[in-house]
Amino acid sequence: MNATLKTLIVDDEPLARDLLASMLAAHPEVEVIGMAGSVAEARAFLERETPDVLFLDIEMPGARGLDLRGDLSPGTRTIFVTAFADYALEAFDFGARGYLLKPVDPSRLALVLERLGAEPSGAVGGLAETVAEGGKISCIPLERILWIEACQNYTLVRQVDLDASVLVSRTLSEWVLLLPTQSFERLSRSLIVRLPPIQAVRWQSRDETFVDFLDCKHHLSLGRTAALRLKARLKERSTE
């Protein structure tokens, strides 16, 4: 990463702001140019400055971080930093480039920053810009996703009630940074599955396992390593 990412941190907790700022200090490509404790303070800052990156809490007194949507310039990319996993859908509709849960994992923070640095300057976009027939652009809600497969520099997304996958202009690595880890699991270099709609995992042979999903007549076929990883993750979820 060569260009400096001018960054604003917005969080109503002073300790949380300071902790994130100290973590970002380990990344020389990041320059924290301001910190705000509320949406009102953030708006006042945004009237004077245009950050490249906004690290934004969601639940704050007076107004939610999501209320800042209309105050951001097109070139400002938003990373949500929150203690709540259940705002992911709203965050990605907002156009988030990442969703970090508190306490922030330094390795996941590093991955988000690496991806931001690889984007063209001024790049914008939301959760799931798709390339469909005739070049039509649409958005895929997270709750409709069953699994995501790599397809060169794109991905194929299988959704509830659809017989065919949709080609999406995101790489699998980009999805990893965006998707909430509580609901999605990367099983291999080329596959991510959404865990809640899984109905059954059926052993076929030593090298093949079928995964059945709710509201889907098609099954997903897994190799041995991916199947073992999925079974371990489902067992972990059952004890949470």
C-alpha atoms as a PDB file:
ATOM      1  CA  MET A   1       0.000   0.000   0.000  1.00  0.00           C
ATOM      2  CA  ASN A   2       1.602   3.251  -1.062  1.00  0.00           C
ATOM      3  CA  ALA A   3      -1.109   5.901  -0.661  1.00  0.00           C
ATOM      4  CA  THR A   4      -2.020   7.149   2.788  1.00  0.00           C
ATOM      5  CA  LEU A   5      -5.535   6.319   3.953  1.00  0.00           C
ATOM      6  CA  LYS A   6      -6.840   9.371   5.801  1.00  0.00           C
ATOM      7  CA  THR A   7      -9.099   7.971   8.476  1.00  0.00           C
ATOM      8  CA  LEU A   8     -11.866   9.167  10.808  1.00  0.00           C
ATOM      9  CA  ILE A   9     -12.904   7.097  13.849  1.00  0.00           C
ATOM     10  CA  VAL A  10     -16.459   7.551  15.146  1.00  0.00           C
ATOM     11  CA  ASP A  11     -17.363   5.845  18.441  1.00  0.00           C
ATOM     12  CA  ASP A  12     -19.084   7.154  21.558  1.00  0.00           C
ATOM     13  CA  GLU A  13     -16.687   5.217  23.841  1.00  0.00           C
ATOM     14  CA  PRO A  14     -13.348   7.063  24.346  1.00  0.00           C
ATOM     15  CA  LEU A  15     -11.510   3.838  25.230  1.00  0.00           C
ATOM     16  CA  ALA A  16     -12.793   2.153  22.068  1.00  0.00           C
ATOM     17  CA  ARG A  17     -11.630   5.109  19.943  1.00  0.00           C
ATOM     18  CA  ASP A  18      -8.196   5.109  21.561  1.00  0.00           C
ATOM     19  CA  LEU A  19      -7.811   1.339  21.249  1.00  0.00           C
ATOM     20  CA  LEU A  20      -8.679   1.353  17.546  1.00  0.00           C
ATOM     21  CA  ALA A  21      -6.360   4.326  16.956  1.00  0.00           C
ATOM     22  CA  SER A  22      -3.507   2.434  18.644  1.00  0.00           C
ATOM     23  CA  MET A  23      -4.187  -0.621  16.471  1.00  0.00           C
ATOM     24  CA  LEU A  24      -4.211   1.528  13.330  1.00  0.00           C
ATOM     25  CA  ALA A  25      -0.896   3.080  14.393  1.00  0.00           C
ATOM     26  CA  ALA A  26       0.699  -0.272  13.554  1.00  0.00           C
ATOM     27  CA  HIS A  27      -0.205   0.356   9.896  1.00  0.00           C
ATOM     28  CA  PRO A  28       1.973   3.139   8.450  1.00  0.00           C
ATOM     29  CA  GLU A  29      -0.346   3.505   5.446  1.00  0.00           C
ATOM     30  CA  VAL A  30      -3.112   4.773   7.762  1.00  0.00           C
ATOM     31  CA  GLU A  31      -3.284   8.340   9.075  1.00  0.00           C
ATOM     32  CA  VAL A  32      -5.960   9.011  11.699  1.00  0.00           C
ATOM     33  CA  ILE A  33      -6.998  12.592  10.961  1.00  0.00           C
ATOM     34  CA  GLY A  34      -9.854  12.799  13.453  1.00  0.00           C
ATOM     35  CA  MET A  35     -11.985  11.112  16.102  1.00  0.00           C
ATOM     36  CA  ALA A  36     -15.621  11.819  16.939  1.00  0.00           C
ATOM     37  CA  GLY A  37     -17.807  10.684  19.817  1.00  0.00           C
ATOM     38  CA  SER A  38     -21.190  11.084  18.145  1.00  0.00           C
ATOM     39  CA  VAL A  39     -22.939  11.381  14.797  1.00  0.00           C
ATOM     40  CA  ALA A  40     -23.233  15.156  15.353  1.00  0.00           C
ATOM     41  CA  GLU A  41     -19.486  15.484  15.904  1.00  0.00           C
ATOM     42  CA  ALA A  42     -18.827  13.318  12.854  1.00  0.00           C
ATOM     43  CA  ARG A  43     -21.075  15.505  10.687  1.00  0.00           C
ATOM     44  CA  ALA A  44     -19.237  18.637  11.822  1.00  0.00           C
ATOM     45  CA  PHE A  45     -15.921  16.987  10.950  1.00  0.00           C
ATOM     46  CA  LEU A  46     -17.173  15.817   7.539  1.00  0.00           C
ATOM     47  CA  GLU A  47     -18.125  19.378   6.653  1.00  0.00           C
ATOM     48  CA  ARG A  48     -14.437  20.310   6.935  1.00  0.00           C
ATOM     49  CA  GLU A  49     -12.631  17.167   5.849  1.00  0.00           C
ATOM     50  CA  THR A  50     -13.134  14.243   3.464  1.00  0.00           C
ATOM     51  CA  PRO A  51     -11.580  11.075   4.901  1.00  0.00           C
ATOM     52  CA  ASP A  52     -10.702   8.107   2.722  1.00  0.00           C
ATOM     53  CA  VAL A  53     -11.884   5.674   5.382  1.00  0.00           C
ATOM     54  CA  LEU A  54     -14.491   5.921   8.130  1.00  0.00           C
ATOM     55  CA  PHE A  55     -14.392   3.478  11.056  1.00  0.00           C
ATOM     56  CA  LEU A  56     -17.944   3.768  12.364  1.00  0.00           C
ATOM     57  CA  ASP A  57     -19.762   2.449  15.413  1.00  0.00           C
ATOM     58  CA  ILE A  58     -23.500   1.788  15.000  1.00  0.00           C
ATOM     59  CA  GLU A  59     -25.217   2.192  18.360  1.00  0.00           C
ATOM     60  CA  MET A  60     -24.454   5.627  19.807  1.00  0.00           C
ATOM     61  CA  PRO A  61     -26.489   8.057  21.951  1.00  0.00           C
ATOM     62  CA  GLY A  62     -28.581  10.519  19.963  1.00  0.00           C
ATOM     63  CA  ALA A  63     -28.253   8.898  16.530  1.00  0.00           C
ATOM     64  CA  ARG A  64     -26.973   5.708  14.898  1.00  0.00           C
ATOM     65  CA  GLY A  65     -23.869   5.517  12.774  1.00  0.00           C
ATOM     66  CA  LEU A  66     -26.089   4.402   9.895  1.00  0.00           C
ATOM     67  CA  ASP A  67     -27.614   7.887   9.913  1.00  0.00           C
ATOM     68  CA  LEU A  68     -24.386   9.259   8.423  1.00  0.00           C
ATOM     69  CA  ARG A  69     -25.079   7.697   5.039  1.00  0.00           C
ATOM     70  CA  GLY A  70     -26.175  10.938   3.392  1.00  0.00           C
ATOM     71  CA  ASP A  71     -23.228  12.888   4.808  1.00  0.00           C
ATOM     72  CA  LEU A  72     -20.441  10.890   3.172  1.00  0.00           C
ATOM     73  CA  SER A  73     -18.687  11.741  -0.064  1.00  0.00           C
ATOM     74  CA  PRO A  74     -18.669   8.997  -2.738  1.00  0.00           C
ATOM     75  CA  GLY A  75     -14.974   8.340  -2.174  1.00  0.00           C
ATOM     76  CA  THR A  76     -15.232   7.678   1.568  1.00  0.00           C
ATOM     77  CA  ARG A  77     -15.250   3.967   2.380  1.00  0.00           C
ATOM     78  CA  THR A  78     -16.887   2.776   5.591  1.00  0.00           C
ATOM     79  CA  ILE A  79     -15.813   0.003   7.966  1.00  0.00           C
ATOM     80  CA  PHE A  80     -18.320  -0.693  10.734  1.00  0.00           C
ATOM     81  CA  VAL A  81     -16.879  -1.504  14.157  1.00  0.00           C
ATOM     82  CA  THR A  82     -19.568  -2.719  16.537  1.00  0.00           C
ATOM     83  CA  ALA A  83     -20.331  -5.095  19.390  1.00  0.00           C
ATOM     84  CA  PHE A  84     -23.477  -6.312  17.598  1.00  0.00           C
ATOM     85  CA  ALA A  85     -23.526  -8.915  14.821  1.00  0.00           C
ATOM     86  CA  ASP A  86     -27.189  -8.422  13.920  1.00  0.00           C
ATOM     87  CA  TYR A  87     -26.693  -5.108  12.091  1.00  0.00           C
ATOM     88  CA  ALA A  88     -24.713  -6.703   9.260  1.00  0.00           C
ATOM     89  CA  LEU A  89     -27.550  -6.518   6.722  1.00  0.00           C
ATOM     90  CA  GLU A  90     -28.121  -2.811   7.348  1.00  0.00           C
ATOM     91  CA  ALA A  91     -24.389  -2.144   7.272  1.00  0.00           C
ATOM     92  CA  PHE A  92     -23.893  -3.784   3.912  1.00  0.00           C
ATOM     93  CA  ASP A  93     -26.928  -2.042   2.468  1.00  0.00           C
ATOM     94  CA  PHE A  94     -25.164   1.133   3.629  1.00  0.00           C
ATOM     95  CA  GLY A  95     -22.260   0.116   1.360  1.00  0.00           C
ATOM     96  CA  ALA A  96     -19.803  -1.074   3.999  1.00  0.00           C
ATOM     97  CA  ARG A  97     -16.361  -2.356   2.985  1.00  0.00           C
ATOM     98  CA  GLY A  98     -16.081  -4.368   6.190  1.00  0.00           C
ATOM     99  CA  TYR A  99     -17.816  -5.322   9.413  1.00  0.00           C
ATOM    100  CA  LEU A 100     -15.561  -5.734  12.446  1.00  0.00           C
ATOM    101  CA  LEU A 101     -16.892  -7.041  15.733  1.00  0.00           C
ATOM    102  CA  LYS A 102     -15.551  -5.754  19.041  1.00  0.00           C
ATOM    103  CA  PRO A 103     -13.088  -6.631  20.389  1.00  0.00           C
ATOM    104  CA  VAL A 104     -11.419  -6.078  17.026  1.00  0.00           C
ATOM    105  CA  ASP A 105      -9.215  -8.915  15.791  1.00  0.00           C
ATOM    106  CA  PRO A 106      -5.908  -7.342  14.604  1.00  0.00           C
ATOM    107  CA  SER A 107      -5.525  -9.900  11.809  1.00  0.00           C
ATOM    108  CA  ARG A 108      -9.013  -9.177  10.444  1.00  0.00           C
ATOM    109  CA  LEU A 109      -8.328  -5.444  10.668  1.00  0.00           C
ATOM    110  CA  ALA A 110      -5.134  -5.989   8.676  1.00  0.00           C
ATOM    111  CA  LEU A 111      -7.057  -7.908   5.991  1.00  0.00           C
ATOM    112  CA  VAL A 112      -9.625  -5.122   5.662  1.00  0.00           C
ATOM    113  CA  LEU A 113      -6.878  -2.515   5.287  1.00  0.00           C
ATOM    114  CA  GLU A 114      -5.039  -4.655   2.755  1.00  0.00           C
ATOM    115  CA  ARG A 115      -8.177  -4.938   0.639  1.00  0.00           C
ATOM    116  CA  LEU A 116      -8.825  -1.197   0.846  1.00  0.00           C
ATOM    117  CA  GLY A 117      -5.300  -0.481  -0.295  1.00  0.00           C
ATOM    118  CA  ALA A 118      -5.743  -2.726  -3.318  1.00  0.00           C
ATOM    119  CA  GLU A 119      -8.848  -0.872  -4.508  1.00  0.00           C
ATOM    120  CA  PRO A 120      -8.570   1.853  -7.152  1.00  0.00           C
ATOM    121  CA  SER A 121      -8.648   5.368  -5.741  1.00  0.00           C
ATOM    122  CA  GLY A 122     -12.222   6.562  -5.221  1.00  0.00           C
ATOM    123  CA  ALA A 123     -13.706   3.098  -5.655  1.00  0.00           C
ATOM    124  CA  VAL A 124     -17.285   2.823  -4.434  1.00  0.00           C
ATOM    125  CA  GLY A 125     -19.813   0.013  -4.137  1.00  0.00           C
ATOM    126  CA  GLY A 126     -22.116  -1.894  -1.849  1.00  0.00           C
ATOM    127  CA  LEU A 127     -22.364  -5.400  -0.562  1.00  0.00           C
ATOM    128  CA  ALA A 128     -23.251  -7.369  -3.645  1.00  0.00           C
ATOM    129  CA  GLU A 129     -23.139  -5.622  -6.979  1.00  0.00           C
ATOM    130  CA  THR A 130     -24.033  -8.317  -9.468  1.00  0.00           C
ATOM    131  CA  VAL A 131     -23.495  -8.821 -13.176  1.00  0.00           C
ATOM    132  CA  ALA A 132     -26.574 -10.433 -14.654  1.00  0.00           C
ATOM    133  CA  GLU A 133     -28.122 -10.737 -18.111  1.00  0.00           C
ATOM    134  CA  GLY A 134     -27.889  -7.546 -20.107  1.00  0.00           C
ATOM    135  CA  GLY A 135     -25.442  -6.062 -17.618  1.00  0.00           C
ATOM    136  CA  LYS A 136     -28.210  -5.467 -15.058  1.00  0.00           C
ATOM    137  CA  ILE A 137     -26.970  -4.402 -11.616  1.00  0.00           C
ATOM    138  CA  SER A 138     -28.862  -5.607  -8.550  1.00  0.00           C
ATOM    139  CA  CYS A 139     -28.318  -6.324  -4.855  1.00  0.00           C
ATOM    140  CA  ILE A 140     -28.426  -9.685  -3.062  1.00  0.00           C
ATOM    141  CA  PRO A 141     -29.685  -9.613   0.544  1.00  0.00           C
ATOM    142  CA  LEU A 142     -27.500 -11.681   2.875  1.00  0.00           C
ATOM    143  CA  GLU A 143     -30.439 -13.702   4.179  1.00  0.00           C
ATOM    144  CA  ARG A 144     -31.029 -15.103   0.665  1.00  0.00           C
ATOM    145  CA  ILE A 145     -27.510 -16.463   0.201  1.00  0.00           C
ATOM    146  CA  LEU A 146     -26.912 -20.226   0.524  1.00  0.00           C
ATOM    147  CA  TRP A 147     -23.363 -20.554  -0.768  1.00  0.00           C
ATOM    148  CA  ILE A 148     -20.738 -18.625  -2.746  1.00  0.00           C
ATOM    149  CA  GLU A 149     -18.252 -20.176  -5.189  1.00  0.00           C
ATOM    150  CA  ALA A 150     -15.142 -18.609  -6.695  1.00  0.00           C
ATOM    151  CA  CYS A 151     -15.192 -17.986 -10.453  1.00  0.00           C
ATOM    152  CA  GLN A 152     -11.897 -16.366 -11.499  1.00  0.00           C
ATOM    153  CA  ASN A 153     -12.177 -12.689 -10.449  1.00  0.00           C
ATOM    154  CA  TYR A 154     -15.913 -13.064  -9.787  1.00  0.00           C
ATOM    155  CA  THR A 155     -18.097 -15.304  -7.638  1.00  0.00           C
ATOM    156  CA  LEU A 156     -21.206 -17.390  -8.218  1.00  0.00           C
ATOM    157  CA  VAL A 157     -23.844 -16.861  -5.539  1.00  0.00           C
ATOM    158  CA  ARG A 158     -26.560 -19.466  -5.006  1.00  0.00           C
ATOM    159  CA  GLN A 159     -29.726 -18.047  -3.447  1.00  0.00           C
ATOM    160  CA  VAL A 160     -32.909 -19.350  -1.882  1.00  0.00           C
ATOM    161  CA  ASP A 161     -35.579 -20.377  -4.450  1.00  0.00           C
ATOM    162  CA  LEU A 162     -33.330 -19.812  -7.485  1.00  0.00           C
ATOM    163  CA  ASP A 163     -32.266 -22.668  -9.773  1.00  0.00           C
ATOM    164  CA  ALA A 164     -29.184 -20.879 -11.100  1.00  0.00           C
ATOM    165  CA  SER A 165     -26.354 -19.021  -9.401  1.00  0.00           C
ATOM    166  CA  VAL A 166     -25.817 -15.297  -9.984  1.00  0.00           C
ATOM    167  CA  LEU A 167     -22.468 -13.921 -11.147  1.00  0.00           C
ATOM    168  CA  VAL A 168     -21.221 -11.268  -8.714  1.00  0.00           C
ATOM    169  CA  SER A 169     -18.440  -8.753  -9.285  1.00  0.00           C
ATOM    170  CA  ARG A 170     -16.622  -9.602  -6.050  1.00  0.00           C
ATOM    171  CA  THR A 171     -13.824 -12.055  -5.374  1.00  0.00           C
ATOM    172  CA  LEU A 172     -14.143 -14.661  -2.646  1.00  0.00           C
ATOM    173  CA  SER A 173     -11.513 -12.780  -0.628  1.00  0.00           C
ATOM    174  CA  GLU A 174     -13.679  -9.650  -0.730  1.00  0.00           C
ATOM    175  CA  TRP A 175     -16.667 -11.628   0.527  1.00  0.00           C
ATOM    176  CA  VAL A 176     -14.578 -12.946   3.438  1.00  0.00           C
ATOM    177  CA  LEU A 177     -13.933  -9.393   4.606  1.00  0.00           C
ATOM    178  CA  LEU A 178     -17.572  -8.400   4.329  1.00  0.00           C
ATOM    179  CA  LEU A 179     -19.551 -11.351   5.652  1.00  0.00           C
ATOM    180  CA  PRO A 180     -20.357 -11.813   9.362  1.00  0.00           C
ATOM    181  CA  THR A 181     -18.367 -14.784  10.654  1.00  0.00           C
ATOM    182  CA  GLN A 182     -21.241 -15.958  12.867  1.00  0.00           C
ATOM    183  CA  SER A 183     -23.322 -16.914   9.828  1.00  0.00           C
ATOM    184  CA  PHE A 184     -20.808 -17.674   7.089  1.00  0.00           C
ATOM    185  CA  GLU A 185     -17.903 -20.122   6.934  1.00  0.00           C
ATOM    186  CA  ARG A 186     -15.175 -20.414   4.330  1.00  0.00           C
ATOM    187  CA  LEU A 187     -14.729 -24.129   3.693  1.00  0.00           C
ATOM    188  CA  SER A 188     -12.024 -23.947   1.025  1.00  0.00           C
ATOM    189  CA  ARG A 189     -10.166 -21.525  -1.218  1.00  0.00           C
ATOM    190  CA  SER A 190     -13.163 -21.512  -3.554  1.00  0.00           C
ATOM    191  CA  LEU A 191     -16.246 -21.909  -1.325  1.00  0.00           C
ATOM    192  CA  ILE A 192     -18.171 -20.061   1.409  1.00  0.00           C
ATOM    193  CA  VAL A 193     -21.409 -21.407   2.892  1.00  0.00           C
ATOM    194  CA  ARG A 194     -24.102 -19.729   4.980  1.00  0.00           C
ATOM    195  CA  LEU A 195     -24.699 -21.839   8.070  1.00  0.00           C
ATOM    196  CA  PRO A 196     -28.235 -21.050   9.365  1.00  0.00           C
ATOM    197  CA  PRO A 197     -30.179 -22.474   6.368  1.00  0.00           C
ATOM    198  CA  ILE A 198     -28.316 -25.812   6.377  1.00  0.00           C
ATOM    199  CA  GLN A 199     -30.919 -28.567   6.853  1.00  0.00           C
ATOM    200  CA  ALA A 200     -28.810 -31.728   6.636  1.00  0.00           C
ATOM    201  CA  VAL A 201     -25.288 -32.985   5.920  1.00  0.00           C
ATOM    202  CA  ARG A 202     -25.372 -36.361   4.171  1.00  0.00           C
ATOM    203  CA  TRP A 203     -22.344 -38.667   3.755  1.00  0.00           C
ATOM    204  CA  GLN A 204     -22.182 -40.222   0.284  1.00  0.00           C
ATOM    205  CA  SER A 205     -18.687 -41.654   0.157  1.00  0.00           C
ATOM    206  CA  ARG A 206     -15.238 -41.071   1.617  1.00  0.00           C
ATOM    207  CA  ASP A 207     -14.667 -38.226  -0.817  1.00  0.00           C
ATOM    208  CA  GLU A 208     -18.140 -36.754  -1.217  1.00  0.00           C
ATOM    209  CA  THR A 209     -20.695 -35.268   1.173  1.00  0.00           C
ATOM    210  CA  PHE A 210     -23.990 -33.581   0.260  1.00  0.00           C
ATOM    211  CA  VAL A 211     -25.325 -30.500   2.051  1.00  0.00           C
ATOM    212  CA  ASP A 212     -29.081 -29.834   1.940  1.00  0.00           C
ATOM    213  CA  PHE A 213     -30.519 -26.357   2.519  1.00  0.00           C
ATOM    214  CA  LEU A 214     -33.955 -25.102   3.520  1.00  0.00           C
ATOM    215  CA  ASP A 215     -36.027 -23.804   0.576  1.00  0.00           C
ATOM    216  CA  CYS A 216     -33.589 -25.239  -1.979  1.00  0.00           C
ATOM    217  CA  LYS A 217     -34.121 -28.374  -4.053  1.00  0.00           C
ATOM    218  CA  HIS A 218     -30.451 -28.525  -5.048  1.00  0.00           C
ATOM    219  CA  HIS A 219     -27.699 -29.856  -2.801  1.00  0.00           C
ATOM    220  CA  LEU A 220     -24.093 -28.723  -2.466  1.00  0.00           C
ATOM    221  CA  SER A 221     -21.399 -31.350  -2.961  1.00  0.00           C
ATOM    222  CA  LEU A 222     -18.314 -31.161  -0.728  1.00  0.00           C
ATOM    223  CA  GLY A 223     -14.972 -32.907  -0.804  1.00  0.00           C
ATOM    224  CA  ARG A 224     -13.570 -34.619   2.284  1.00  0.00           C
ATOM    225  CA  THR A 225     -11.600 -31.679   3.730  1.00  0.00           C
ATOM    226  CA  ALA A 226     -14.416 -29.162   3.252  1.00  0.00           C
ATOM    227  CA  ALA A 227     -16.945 -31.591   4.764  1.00  0.00           C
ATOM    228  CA  LEU A 228     -14.809 -32.125   7.863  1.00  0.00           C
ATOM    229  CA  ARG A 229     -14.406 -28.365   8.267  1.00  0.00           C
ATOM    230  CA  LEU A 230     -18.161 -27.831   7.946  1.00  0.00           C
ATOM    231  CA  LYS A 231     -19.007 -30.558  10.464  1.00  0.00           C
ATOM    232  CA  ALA A 232     -16.557 -29.075  12.970  1.00  0.00           C
ATOM    233  CA  ARG A 233     -18.053 -25.599  12.521  1.00  0.00           C
ATOM    234  CA  LEU A 234     -21.632 -26.884  12.925  1.00  0.00           C
ATOM    235  CA  LYS A 235     -20.626 -28.748  16.082  1.00  0.00           C
ATOM    236  CA  GLU A 236     -19.041 -25.545  17.397  1.00  0.00           C
ATOM    237  CA  ARG A 237     -22.244 -23.582  16.669  1.00  0.00           C
ATOM    238  CA  SER A 238     -24.360 -26.152  18.517  1.00  0.00           C
ATOM    239  CA  THR A 239     -22.388 -25.529  21.712  1.00  0.00           C
ATOM    240  CA  GLU A 240     -22.470 -21.714  21.501  1.00  0.00           C
END
